[in-house]
Structures are given as C-alpha cells and as structure tokens.
Amino acid sequence: MTLIDGKATAAAIKQEIAEEVKTIMAAGGKQPHLAAILVGHDGGSETYVKNKVIACEACGFKSTLIRFEDDVTEEELLGKVAELNADDDVDGFIVQLPLPRHIDEQKVIMAIDYRKDVDGFHPVNVGRMAIGLPCFVSATPLGIMTLLRRYGVQTSGKKCVVLGRSNIVGKPMAQLMMQKQYGDATVTVCHSHSATLKDECRQADIIIAAIGQPDFVTADMVREGAVVIDVGTTRVPDSTRKSGYRLNGDVKFDEVAPKCAMITPVPGGVGPMTICSLMNNTLAAAKKEYYQ
C-alpha cells in the first residue's frame, strides 16, 4: 500500500510556482496577487484562509485578506466584490464559503468576474469545464487530478466511483474523470440515497469519497488493489487533542488502507492540494492563460 502524500506533493508544486514567479518578475512582469474575502469567524474558514495566505508567501504572491463581521449586508459584500473585479492589481480572488444565512451565496458567486474566479465556481468556468474548454477548474477536483497524475495512477478506461454530488467537489470531479483529456474513466456518481452504493464501490478501481460523513467508506466496500481518495474533513471531538477535535475523513482509514494499492490520509492528503491548486489558478490568472 502506497500512502499518497498530498503535503509533500503540494510543497513541491509551490516550489515550482515560486521559481516561475521569480522568472516572471525578473523579466519585468507583475507579481501575482490573490485576494480573499472572509466573513465572520468560522473556525474551519479561518484555518483555510490562514493556510492560503501562507501558501501565497511560499509561492511569492502578493495576498490581501478582507474581513467582514457576520452581520455584513449582502449589498456591502457585493460592493466589495465589484471593487475587486475592477482592481487591475488583483489577478484573482475568492469569497470563502460558507457565508451567513442572510446572504445568497449563488448571487455572490455570480457577481465575481469569471476571469478572476480562481475558485472555479462561476457558471462560466463550470460550463467551460463541462465541455472541456480552458478555464479555472474548482480547486479540490483539480488537486485530486494532480495527485493521481503525479503518482502515476492509471485512470483511462478504469471504473471510478465518486461518492457525493456537491457543486464544489462531486459534480466537477465526475466531469473531470470522464473527460478524455483528464481522467478518461468510466464514472459512476453515488450519493447517500443510492440503492446500489456498496455494490458500485466494490467494482471500482478508483473511489473518490466526498460525501461528508466520517468513516462512511468501510473495508467491505473496497476491493483489493483499489485507489482511494478521501476528500472528507469533518471535525470530530477528541479530548486527547489540544484543539479538542481531530479531522476525520470519509474513509475508515485503518481498516480500508490494507486493501488499497494507494490511499490518501486525512489530514495531509487532498487538503494541501486544494490550496496548491488555488495557487496554480492564481498564477494562470496572472498570466492571462485562459481569458484576456
């Protein structure tokens, strides 16, 4: 069994990005600039944004963090989005989700200029990805595709089961895995109401678990020699930890890992690659790779 090390892979990629940024700036080019909007004080969001700022430093990017309290109005937030859209120095920006319930998330996503949408959530980027056109691909699916490629996992013609159908992971992951230029796999999407879920998983060469339920994937669902990618990051209470919790994946790691050819751990698997992919998208935005 090979452990897929997302942390080490992400560190290597960030180093590659940093070298490219040095070259761009030495030739008189502009330093890539990523901005992030954070609303409120959700623990998970705080951690993600902090890690994104650290990653920007490692890549040689300029970063800006814009904070609002939970009671920010939708109008105020949309005003800031419009400001960032118009700021020529900002190459890409993200609005950290989830947002407070009084704000329409989809409205905010739609307001972001798709040419700066480095999260890959705008319908223009989602649509272009679906038909195989160049675009900003959602960071978690892009990170998973990068891990599979860097670890030499054969995906062409293989049976892949994606557990979960969210707009952020499940749906784009399935799209990428079935596209010829990415996964070229035979893809089945399952969710919590799928009647044949266990049978589908048992036939899979590759399982991508993004269902959001700790320890959902058990050994009886995985065939010998499968590749398992665990996207789950649920905070589970743990009194032995200083923080009072631990991050738990969707896969029951200890019992599933011995059956796998390869598996990602939680933490240290998909998580670091998500942030790394955001850095890749920001570099692409700075270089005007997809949109002029």
C-alpha atoms as a PDB file:
ATOM      1  CA  MET A   1       0.000   0.000   0.000  1.00  0.00           C
ATOM      2  CA  THR A   2       1.298   3.413  -1.023  1.00  0.00           C
ATOM      3  CA  LEU A   3       0.321   6.472   1.000  1.00  0.00           C
ATOM      4  CA  ILE A   4      -0.386   9.403  -1.330  1.00  0.00           C
ATOM      5  CA  ASP A   5       1.367  12.341   0.314  1.00  0.00           C
ATOM      6  CA  GLY A   6      -0.534  15.490  -0.578  1.00  0.00           C
ATOM      7  CA  LYS A   7       1.552  17.639   1.754  1.00  0.00           C
ATOM      8  CA  ALA A   8       4.870  16.761   0.071  1.00  0.00           C
ATOM      9  CA  THR A   9       3.363  16.999  -3.431  1.00  0.00           C
ATOM     10  CA  ALA A  10       1.870  20.418  -2.681  1.00  0.00           C
ATOM     11  CA  ALA A  11       5.199  21.661  -1.261  1.00  0.00           C
ATOM     12  CA  ALA A  12       6.994  20.575  -4.455  1.00  0.00           C
ATOM     13  CA  ILE A  13       4.419  22.299  -6.681  1.00  0.00           C
ATOM     14  CA  LYS A  14       4.548  25.519  -4.644  1.00  0.00           C
ATOM     15  CA  GLN A  15       8.324  25.488  -5.099  1.00  0.00           C
ATOM     16  CA  GLU A  16       7.836  25.139  -8.879  1.00  0.00           C
ATOM     17  CA  ILE A  17       5.362  28.052  -8.847  1.00  0.00           C
ATOM     18  CA  ALA A  18       7.784  30.201  -6.807  1.00  0.00           C
ATOM     19  CA  GLU A  19      10.542  29.597  -9.380  1.00  0.00           C
ATOM     20  CA  GLU A  20       8.210  30.630 -12.205  1.00  0.00           C
ATOM     21  CA  VAL A  21       7.148  33.786 -10.325  1.00  0.00           C
ATOM     22  CA  LYS A  22      10.837  34.712  -9.859  1.00  0.00           C
ATOM     23  CA  THR A  23      11.374  34.322 -13.610  1.00  0.00           C
ATOM     24  CA  ILE A  24       8.295  36.423 -14.441  1.00  0.00           C
ATOM     25  CA  MET A  25       9.334  39.222 -12.079  1.00  0.00           C
ATOM     26  CA  ALA A  26      12.975  39.146 -13.216  1.00  0.00           C
ATOM     27  CA  ALA A  27      11.704  39.783 -16.752  1.00  0.00           C
ATOM     28  CA  GLY A  28       9.780  42.842 -15.507  1.00  0.00           C
ATOM     29  CA  GLY A  29       6.439  41.091 -15.108  1.00  0.00           C
ATOM     30  CA  LYS A  30       3.840  41.709 -12.400  1.00  0.00           C
ATOM     31  CA  GLN A  31       3.752  39.854  -9.078  1.00  0.00           C
ATOM     32  CA  PRO A  32       0.624  37.641  -8.958  1.00  0.00           C
ATOM     33  CA  HIS A  33      -1.945  38.959  -6.469  1.00  0.00           C
ATOM     34  CA  LEU A  34      -4.620  36.856  -4.731  1.00  0.00           C
ATOM     35  CA  ALA A  35      -7.281  38.451  -2.534  1.00  0.00           C
ATOM     36  CA  ALA A  36      -9.609  36.648  -0.132  1.00  0.00           C
ATOM     37  CA  ILE A  37     -12.836  37.803   1.496  1.00  0.00           C
ATOM     38  CA  LEU A  38     -13.610  36.210   4.870  1.00  0.00           C
ATOM     39  CA  VAL A  39     -16.970  36.773   6.547  1.00  0.00           C
ATOM     40  CA  GLY A  40     -17.341  36.017  10.260  1.00  0.00           C
ATOM     41  CA  HIS A  41     -15.188  33.771  12.429  1.00  0.00           C
ATOM     42  CA  ASP A  42     -15.970  30.172  11.426  1.00  0.00           C
ATOM     43  CA  GLY A  43     -13.068  28.019  12.698  1.00  0.00           C
ATOM     44  CA  GLY A  44     -12.690  25.960   9.529  1.00  0.00           C
ATOM     45  CA  SER A  45     -12.813  29.016   7.266  1.00  0.00           C
ATOM     46  CA  GLU A  46     -10.276  30.869   9.447  1.00  0.00           C
ATOM     47  CA  THR A  47      -7.856  27.932   9.111  1.00  0.00           C
ATOM     48  CA  TYR A  48      -8.345  27.628   5.340  1.00  0.00           C
ATOM     49  CA  VAL A  49      -7.794  31.334   4.740  1.00  0.00           C
ATOM     50  CA  LYS A  50      -4.727  31.416   7.017  1.00  0.00           C
ATOM     51  CA  ASN A  51      -3.246  28.498   5.043  1.00  0.00           C
ATOM     52  CA  LYS A  52      -3.991  30.277   1.768  1.00  0.00           C
ATOM     53  CA  VAL A  53      -2.105  33.377   2.957  1.00  0.00           C
ATOM     54  CA  ILE A  54       0.876  31.180   3.977  1.00  0.00           C
ATOM     55  CA  ALA A  55       0.770  29.450   0.567  1.00  0.00           C
ATOM     56  CA  CYS A  56       0.833  32.845  -1.192  1.00  0.00           C
ATOM     57  CA  GLU A  57       4.032  33.707   0.687  1.00  0.00           C
ATOM     58  CA  ALA A  58       5.611  30.375  -0.308  1.00  0.00           C
ATOM     59  CA  CYS A  59       4.718  30.996  -3.970  1.00  0.00           C
ATOM     60  CA  GLY A  60       5.964  34.593  -3.999  1.00  0.00           C
ATOM     61  CA  PHE A  61       2.460  36.035  -4.479  1.00  0.00           C
ATOM     62  CA  LYS A  62       1.046  39.213  -3.030  1.00  0.00           C
ATOM     63  CA  SER A  63      -2.002  38.462  -0.875  1.00  0.00           C
ATOM     64  CA  THR A  64      -4.775  40.603   0.580  1.00  0.00           C
ATOM     65  CA  LEU A  65      -7.242  39.468   3.238  1.00  0.00           C
ATOM     66  CA  ILE A  66     -10.502  41.418   3.548  1.00  0.00           C
ATOM     67  CA  ARG A  67     -12.542  40.682   6.682  1.00  0.00           C
ATOM     68  CA  PHE A  68     -16.206  41.329   7.436  1.00  0.00           C
ATOM     69  CA  GLU A  69     -18.252  40.519  10.524  1.00  0.00           C
ATOM     70  CA  ASP A  70     -21.191  38.064  10.376  1.00  0.00           C
ATOM     71  CA  ASP A  71     -23.679  40.907  10.166  1.00  0.00           C
ATOM     72  CA  VAL A  72     -22.297  42.335   6.903  1.00  0.00           C
ATOM     73  CA  THR A  73     -25.113  43.110   4.469  1.00  0.00           C
ATOM     74  CA  GLU A  74     -25.365  41.397   1.095  1.00  0.00           C
ATOM     75  CA  GLU A  75     -25.126  44.825  -0.519  1.00  0.00           C
ATOM     76  CA  GLU A  76     -21.845  45.624   1.274  1.00  0.00           C
ATOM     77  CA  LEU A  77     -20.343  42.287   0.291  1.00  0.00           C
ATOM     78  CA  LEU A  78     -21.399  42.662  -3.348  1.00  0.00           C
ATOM     79  CA  GLY A  79     -19.895  46.156  -3.302  1.00  0.00           C
ATOM     80  CA  LYS A  80     -16.520  44.734  -2.236  1.00  0.00           C
ATOM     81  CA  VAL A  81     -16.748  42.054  -4.960  1.00  0.00           C
ATOM     82  CA  ALA A  82     -17.362  44.801  -7.553  1.00  0.00           C
ATOM     83  CA  GLU A  83     -14.355  46.712  -6.191  1.00  0.00           C
ATOM     84  CA  LEU A  84     -12.068  43.662  -6.568  1.00  0.00           C
ATOM     85  CA  ASN A  85     -13.439  42.989 -10.063  1.00  0.00           C
ATOM     86  CA  ALA A  86     -12.364  46.498 -11.059  1.00  0.00           C
ATOM     87  CA  ASP A  87      -8.941  46.420  -9.350  1.00  0.00           C
ATOM     88  CA  ASP A  88      -6.331  45.762 -12.042  1.00  0.00           C
ATOM     89  CA  ASP A  89      -3.721  44.790  -9.458  1.00  0.00           C
ATOM     90  CA  VAL A  90      -5.837  41.847  -8.205  1.00  0.00           C
ATOM     91  CA  ASP A  91      -5.421  38.857 -10.535  1.00  0.00           C
ATOM     92  CA  GLY A  92      -7.801  36.541  -8.736  1.00  0.00           C
ATOM     93  CA  PHE A  93      -9.923  36.477  -5.604  1.00  0.00           C
ATOM     94  CA  ILE A  94     -12.087  34.164  -3.559  1.00  0.00           C
ATOM     95  CA  VAL A  95     -15.036  34.624  -1.244  1.00  0.00           C
ATOM     96  CA  GLN A  96     -14.603  31.987   1.467  1.00  0.00           C
ATOM     97  CA  LEU A  97     -17.685  29.796   1.833  1.00  0.00           C
ATOM     98  CA  PRO A  98     -19.943  29.166   3.681  1.00  0.00           C
ATOM     99  CA  LEU A  99     -21.470  32.624   4.065  1.00  0.00           C
ATOM    100  CA  PRO A 100     -24.014  33.672   6.744  1.00  0.00           C
ATOM    101  CA  ARG A 101     -27.573  32.535   6.007  1.00  0.00           C
ATOM    102  CA  HIS A 102     -28.863  36.028   5.173  1.00  0.00           C
ATOM    103  CA  ILE A 103     -26.507  36.233   2.174  1.00  0.00           C
ATOM    104  CA  ASP A 104     -27.317  34.481  -1.121  1.00  0.00           C
ATOM    105  CA  GLU A 105     -24.123  32.529  -1.909  1.00  0.00           C
ATOM    106  CA  GLN A 106     -25.048  31.982  -5.546  1.00  0.00           C
ATOM    107  CA  LYS A 107     -25.669  35.705  -6.036  1.00  0.00           C
ATOM    108  CA  VAL A 108     -22.186  36.452  -4.666  1.00  0.00           C
ATOM    109  CA  ILE A 109     -20.548  33.776  -6.879  1.00  0.00           C
ATOM    110  CA  MET A 110     -22.378  35.152  -9.941  1.00  0.00           C
ATOM    111  CA  ALA A 111     -21.101  38.665  -9.133  1.00  0.00           C
ATOM    112  CA  ILE A 112     -17.425  37.599  -9.309  1.00  0.00           C
ATOM    113  CA  ASP A 113     -15.737  38.355 -12.633  1.00  0.00           C
ATOM    114  CA  TYR A 114     -15.240  34.849 -14.098  1.00  0.00           C
ATOM    115  CA  ARG A 115     -11.785  35.936 -15.292  1.00  0.00           C
ATOM    116  CA  LYS A 116     -10.785  36.376 -11.615  1.00  0.00           C
ATOM    117  CA  ASP A 117     -12.776  33.403 -10.289  1.00  0.00           C
ATOM    118  CA  VAL A 118      -9.806  31.295  -9.170  1.00  0.00           C
ATOM    119  CA  ASP A 119     -12.112  29.055  -7.090  1.00  0.00           C
ATOM    120  CA  GLY A 120     -13.731  27.938 -10.362  1.00  0.00           C
ATOM    121  CA  PHE A 121     -17.295  28.325  -9.023  1.00  0.00           C
ATOM    122  CA  HIS A 122     -18.719  30.832 -11.530  1.00  0.00           C
ATOM    123  CA  PRO A 123     -21.172  29.266 -14.036  1.00  0.00           C
ATOM    124  CA  VAL A 124     -18.934  30.382 -16.934  1.00  0.00           C
ATOM    125  CA  ASN A 125     -15.993  28.381 -15.532  1.00  0.00           C
ATOM    126  CA  VAL A 126     -18.225  25.449 -14.546  1.00  0.00           C
ATOM    127  CA  GLY A 127     -19.755  25.377 -18.039  1.00  0.00           C
ATOM    128  CA  ARG A 128     -16.405  25.650 -19.825  1.00  0.00           C
ATOM    129  CA  MET A 129     -15.018  22.831 -17.659  1.00  0.00           C
ATOM    130  CA  ALA A 130     -18.044  20.651 -18.500  1.00  0.00           C
ATOM    131  CA  ILE A 131     -17.370  20.898 -22.238  1.00  0.00           C
ATOM    132  CA  GLY A 132     -13.585  20.693 -21.937  1.00  0.00           C
ATOM    133  CA  LEU A 133     -12.627  24.316 -22.642  1.00  0.00           C
ATOM    134  CA  PRO A 134      -9.712  26.037 -20.835  1.00  0.00           C
ATOM    135  CA  CYS A 135     -10.876  27.591 -17.558  1.00  0.00           C
ATOM    136  CA  PHE A 136     -10.308  27.794 -13.821  1.00  0.00           C
ATOM    137  CA  VAL A 137     -11.144  24.331 -12.522  1.00  0.00           C
ATOM    138  CA  SER A 138     -12.529  24.002  -8.986  1.00  0.00           C
ATOM    139  CA  ALA A 139      -9.510  23.646  -6.686  1.00  0.00           C
ATOM    140  CA  THR A 140     -10.276  20.351  -4.897  1.00  0.00           C
ATOM    141  CA  PRO A 141     -11.036  18.302  -8.054  1.00  0.00           C
ATOM    142  CA  LEU A 142      -8.015  19.865  -9.778  1.00  0.00           C
ATOM    143  CA  GLY A 143      -5.841  18.928  -6.781  1.00  0.00           C
ATOM    144  CA  ILE A 144      -7.085  15.321  -6.917  1.00  0.00           C
ATOM    145  CA  MET A 145      -6.369  15.070 -10.660  1.00  0.00           C
ATOM    146  CA  THR A 146      -2.853  16.420  -9.992  1.00  0.00           C
ATOM    147  CA  LEU A 147      -2.245  13.803  -7.266  1.00  0.00           C
ATOM    148  CA  LEU A 148      -3.443  10.958  -9.500  1.00  0.00           C
ATOM    149  CA  ARG A 149      -1.179  12.160 -12.301  1.00  0.00           C
ATOM    150  CA  ARG A 150       1.895  12.687 -10.105  1.00  0.00           C
ATOM    151  CA  TYR A 151       1.509   9.248  -8.522  1.00  0.00           C
ATOM    152  CA  GLY A 152       1.132   7.598 -11.930  1.00  0.00           C
ATOM    153  CA  VAL A 153      -2.382   6.274 -11.276  1.00  0.00           C
ATOM    154  CA  GLN A 154      -3.836   4.847 -14.491  1.00  0.00           C
ATOM    155  CA  THR A 155      -7.312   6.341 -14.960  1.00  0.00           C
ATOM    156  CA  SER A 156      -8.015   5.769 -18.673  1.00  0.00           C
ATOM    157  CA  GLY A 157     -10.702   3.114 -19.099  1.00  0.00           C
ATOM    158  CA  LYS A 158     -10.843   2.430 -15.357  1.00  0.00           C
ATOM    159  CA  LYS A 159     -14.033   2.338 -13.304  1.00  0.00           C
ATOM    160  CA  CYS A 160     -14.262   5.330 -10.964  1.00  0.00           C
ATOM    161  CA  VAL A 161     -16.918   5.856  -8.306  1.00  0.00           C
ATOM    162  CA  VAL A 162     -17.422   9.394  -6.979  1.00  0.00           C
ATOM    163  CA  LEU A 163     -19.256   9.465  -3.653  1.00  0.00           C
ATOM    164  CA  GLY A 164     -21.068  12.790  -3.341  1.00  0.00           C
ATOM    165  CA  ARG A 165     -22.727  15.195  -5.780  1.00  0.00           C
ATOM    166  CA  SER A 166     -21.856  18.661  -4.451  1.00  0.00           C
ATOM    167  CA  ASN A 167     -21.193  21.532  -6.846  1.00  0.00           C
ATOM    168  CA  ILE A 168     -17.777  22.076  -5.248  1.00  0.00           C
ATOM    169  CA  VAL A 169     -16.376  18.518  -5.398  1.00  0.00           C
ATOM    170  CA  GLY A 170     -18.670  15.685  -6.528  1.00  0.00           C
ATOM    171  CA  LYS A 171     -20.047  17.054  -9.792  1.00  0.00           C
ATOM    172  CA  PRO A 172     -16.823  18.660 -11.126  1.00  0.00           C
ATOM    173  CA  MET A 173     -14.820  15.597 -10.041  1.00  0.00           C
ATOM    174  CA  ALA A 174     -17.085  13.315 -12.066  1.00  0.00           C
ATOM    175  CA  GLN A 175     -16.852  15.664 -15.074  1.00  0.00           C
ATOM    176  CA  LEU A 176     -13.046  15.685 -14.986  1.00  0.00           C
ATOM    177  CA  MET A 177     -12.725  11.930 -14.508  1.00  0.00           C
ATOM    178  CA  MET A 178     -14.904  11.214 -17.546  1.00  0.00           C
ATOM    179  CA  GLN A 179     -13.253  13.781 -19.844  1.00  0.00           C
ATOM    180  CA  LYS A 180     -10.785  12.411 -22.350  1.00  0.00           C
ATOM    181  CA  GLN A 181      -8.037  14.958 -21.615  1.00  0.00           C
ATOM    182  CA  TYR A 182      -8.250  14.405 -17.840  1.00  0.00           C
ATOM    183  CA  GLY A 183      -9.390  11.055 -16.448  1.00  0.00           C
ATOM    184  CA  ASP A 184     -10.835   9.242 -19.486  1.00  0.00           C
ATOM    185  CA  ALA A 185     -12.515   6.896 -16.980  1.00  0.00           C
ATOM    186  CA  THR A 186     -15.906   5.214 -16.733  1.00  0.00           C
ATOM    187  CA  VAL A 187     -17.602   7.202 -13.967  1.00  0.00           C
ATOM    188  CA  THR A 188     -20.457   6.426 -11.591  1.00  0.00           C
ATOM    189  CA  VAL A 189     -21.717   9.080  -9.164  1.00  0.00           C
ATOM    190  CA  CYS A 190     -23.270   7.778  -5.944  1.00  0.00           C
ATOM    191  CA  HIS A 191     -24.810   9.604  -3.004  1.00  0.00           C
ATOM    192  CA  SER A 192     -26.449   8.794   0.317  1.00  0.00           C
ATOM    193  CA  HIS A 193     -29.688   7.683  -1.402  1.00  0.00           C
ATOM    194  CA  SER A 194     -28.041   5.390  -3.992  1.00  0.00           C
ATOM    195  CA  ALA A 195     -29.617   1.935  -3.606  1.00  0.00           C
ATOM    196  CA  THR A 196     -26.614   0.027  -5.022  1.00  0.00           C
ATOM    197  CA  LEU A 197     -23.894   2.186  -3.446  1.00  0.00           C
ATOM    198  CA  LYS A 198     -21.881  -0.644  -1.822  1.00  0.00           C
ATOM    199  CA  ASP A 199     -22.012  -2.817  -4.961  1.00  0.00           C
ATOM    200  CA  GLU A 200     -20.843   0.096  -7.132  1.00  0.00           C
ATOM    201  CA  CYS A 201     -17.926   0.802  -4.790  1.00  0.00           C
ATOM    202  CA  ARG A 202     -16.859  -2.862  -4.723  1.00  0.00           C
ATOM    203  CA  GLN A 203     -16.439  -2.788  -8.519  1.00  0.00           C
ATOM    204  CA  ALA A 204     -14.432   0.436  -8.572  1.00  0.00           C
ATOM    205  CA  ASP A 205     -10.744   0.750  -9.468  1.00  0.00           C
ATOM    206  CA  ILE A 206     -10.798   4.276  -8.016  1.00  0.00           C
ATOM    207  CA  ILE A 207     -13.058   5.586  -5.239  1.00  0.00           C
ATOM    208  CA  ILE A 208     -13.245   9.323  -4.575  1.00  0.00           C
ATOM    209  CA  ALA A 209     -15.098   9.847  -1.285  1.00  0.00           C
ATOM    210  CA  ALA A 210     -16.624  13.314  -0.889  1.00  0.00           C
ATOM    211  CA  ILE A 211     -19.844  12.512   0.949  1.00  0.00           C
ATOM    212  CA  GLY A 212     -19.127  14.432   4.173  1.00  0.00           C
ATOM    213  CA  GLN A 213     -19.787  11.561   6.590  1.00  0.00           C
ATOM    214  CA  PRO A 214     -16.900  10.398   8.822  1.00  0.00           C
ATOM    215  CA  ASP A 215     -15.843   6.742   8.346  1.00  0.00           C
ATOM    216  CA  PHE A 216     -18.547   6.217   5.696  1.00  0.00           C
ATOM    217  CA  VAL A 217     -16.361   4.027   3.463  1.00  0.00           C
ATOM    218  CA  THR A 218     -15.616   0.708   5.190  1.00  0.00           C
ATOM    219  CA  ALA A 219     -13.452  -2.261   4.183  1.00  0.00           C
ATOM    220  CA  ASP A 220     -16.413  -4.259   2.817  1.00  0.00           C
ATOM    221  CA  MET A 221     -16.976  -1.510   0.214  1.00  0.00           C
ATOM    222  CA  VAL A 222     -13.455  -1.603  -1.246  1.00  0.00           C
ATOM    223  CA  ARG A 223     -11.950  -4.253  -3.480  1.00  0.00           C
ATOM    224  CA  GLU A 224      -8.332  -5.383  -3.201  1.00  0.00           C
ATOM    225  CA  GLY A 225      -5.930  -3.100  -5.079  1.00  0.00           C
ATOM    226  CA  ALA A 226      -8.261  -0.102  -5.367  1.00  0.00           C
ATOM    227  CA  VAL A 227      -7.075   3.520  -5.231  1.00  0.00           C
ATOM    228  CA  VAL A 228      -8.985   5.509  -2.598  1.00  0.00           C
ATOM    229  CA  ILE A 229      -9.035   9.311  -2.449  1.00  0.00           C
ATOM    230  CA  ASP A 230     -10.553  10.716   0.756  1.00  0.00           C
ATOM    231  CA  VAL A 231     -11.898  14.260   0.453  1.00  0.00           C
ATOM    232  CA  GLY A 232     -13.672  14.274   3.840  1.00  0.00           C
ATOM    233  CA  THR A 233     -12.602  16.702   6.564  1.00  0.00           C
ATOM    234  CA  THR A 234     -15.105  16.550   9.409  1.00  0.00           C
ATOM    235  CA  ARG A 235     -14.154  17.905  12.836  1.00  0.00           C
ATOM    236  CA  VAL A 236     -14.712  15.101  15.343  1.00  0.00           C
ATOM    237  CA  PRO A 237     -14.447  15.747  19.130  1.00  0.00           C
ATOM    238  CA  ASP A 238     -11.176  14.369  20.559  1.00  0.00           C
ATOM    239  CA  SER A 239     -10.267  15.129  24.177  1.00  0.00           C
ATOM    240  CA  THR A 240      -6.662  13.953  23.632  1.00  0.00           C
ATOM    241  CA  ARG A 241      -6.005  16.862  21.249  1.00  0.00           C
ATOM    242  CA  LYS A 242      -5.132  20.372  22.366  1.00  0.00           C
ATOM    243  CA  SER A 243      -7.747  21.763  19.962  1.00  0.00           C
ATOM    244  CA  GLY A 244     -10.395  19.418  21.360  1.00  0.00           C
ATOM    245  CA  TYR A 245     -11.051  17.860  17.957  1.00  0.00           C
ATOM    246  CA  ARG A 246      -9.403  15.921  15.148  1.00  0.00           C
ATOM    247  CA  LEU A 247     -10.002  15.944  11.394  1.00  0.00           C
ATOM    248  CA  ASN A 248     -11.716  12.778  10.250  1.00  0.00           C
ATOM    249  CA  GLY A 249     -12.063  11.593   6.658  1.00  0.00           C
ATOM    250  CA  ASP A 250     -14.961   9.882   4.903  1.00  0.00           C
ATOM    251  CA  VAL A 251     -12.919   6.654   4.813  1.00  0.00           C
ATOM    252  CA  LYS A 252     -12.372   4.350   7.796  1.00  0.00           C
ATOM    253  CA  PHE A 253      -8.647   4.534   7.151  1.00  0.00           C
ATOM    254  CA  ASP A 254      -7.272   1.812   9.439  1.00  0.00           C
ATOM    255  CA  GLU A 255      -9.454  -0.933   8.001  1.00  0.00           C
ATOM    256  CA  VAL A 256      -9.557   0.266   4.369  1.00  0.00           C
ATOM    257  CA  ALA A 257      -5.849   1.122   3.855  1.00  0.00           C
ATOM    258  CA  PRO A 258      -4.540  -2.507   3.937  1.00  0.00           C
ATOM    259  CA  LYS A 259      -6.768  -3.380   0.943  1.00  0.00           C
ATOM    260  CA  CYS A 260      -5.639  -0.422  -1.185  1.00  0.00           C
ATOM    261  CA  ALA A 261      -2.925  -0.033  -3.786  1.00  0.00           C
ATOM    262  CA  MET A 262      -2.889   3.674  -2.873  1.00  0.00           C
ATOM    263  CA  ILE A 263      -4.792   5.861  -0.409  1.00  0.00           C
ATOM    264  CA  THR A 264      -4.765   9.473   0.790  1.00  0.00           C
ATOM    265  CA  PRO A 265      -4.586  10.223   4.526  1.00  0.00           C
ATOM    266  CA  VAL A 266      -6.660  12.835   6.397  1.00  0.00           C
ATOM    267  CA  PRO A 267      -5.148  15.280   7.121  1.00  0.00           C
ATOM    268  CA  GLY A 268      -2.226  15.594   4.701  1.00  0.00           C
ATOM    269  CA  GLY A 269      -3.858  14.210   1.558  1.00  0.00           C
ATOM    270  CA  VAL A 270      -6.324  16.207  -0.533  1.00  0.00           C
ATOM    271  CA  GLY A 271      -6.399  19.310   1.736  1.00  0.00           C
ATOM    272  CA  PRO A 272      -2.926  20.700   0.902  1.00  0.00           C
ATOM    273  CA  MET A 273      -3.570  20.027  -2.810  1.00  0.00           C
ATOM    274  CA  THR A 274      -6.740  22.142  -2.763  1.00  0.00           C
ATOM    275  CA  ILE A 275      -4.760  25.184  -1.624  1.00  0.00           C
ATOM    276  CA  CYS A 276      -1.961  24.337  -4.053  1.00  0.00           C
ATOM    277  CA  SER A 277      -4.478  24.248  -6.958  1.00  0.00           C
ATOM    278  CA  LEU A 278      -5.767  27.665  -5.925  1.00  0.00           C
ATOM    279  CA  MET A 279      -2.177  28.900  -6.275  1.00  0.00           C
ATOM    280  CA  ASN A 280      -1.959  27.316  -9.752  1.00  0.00           C
ATOM    281  CA  ASN A 281      -5.201  29.028 -10.773  1.00  0.00           C
ATOM    282  CA  THR A 282      -3.915  32.375  -9.458  1.00  0.00           C
ATOM    283  CA  LEU A 283      -0.717  32.022 -11.485  1.00  0.00           C
ATOM    284  CA  ALA A 284      -2.806  31.190 -14.571  1.00  0.00           C
ATOM    285  CA  ALA A 285      -4.953  34.295 -13.897  1.00  0.00           C
ATOM    286  CA  ALA A 286      -1.855  36.488 -13.577  1.00  0.00           C
ATOM    287  CA  LYS A 287      -0.526  35.101 -16.866  1.00  0.00           C
ATOM    288  CA  LYS A 288      -3.948  35.595 -18.532  1.00  0.00           C
ATOM    289  CA  GLU A 289      -3.716  31.955 -19.579  1.00  0.00           C
ATOM    290  CA  TYR A 290      -7.443  31.378 -20.131  1.00  0.00           C
ATOM    291  CA  TYR A 291      -9.000  34.818 -20.508  1.00  0.00           C
ATOM    292  CA  GLN A 292      -7.606  38.071 -21.849  1.00  0.00           C
END
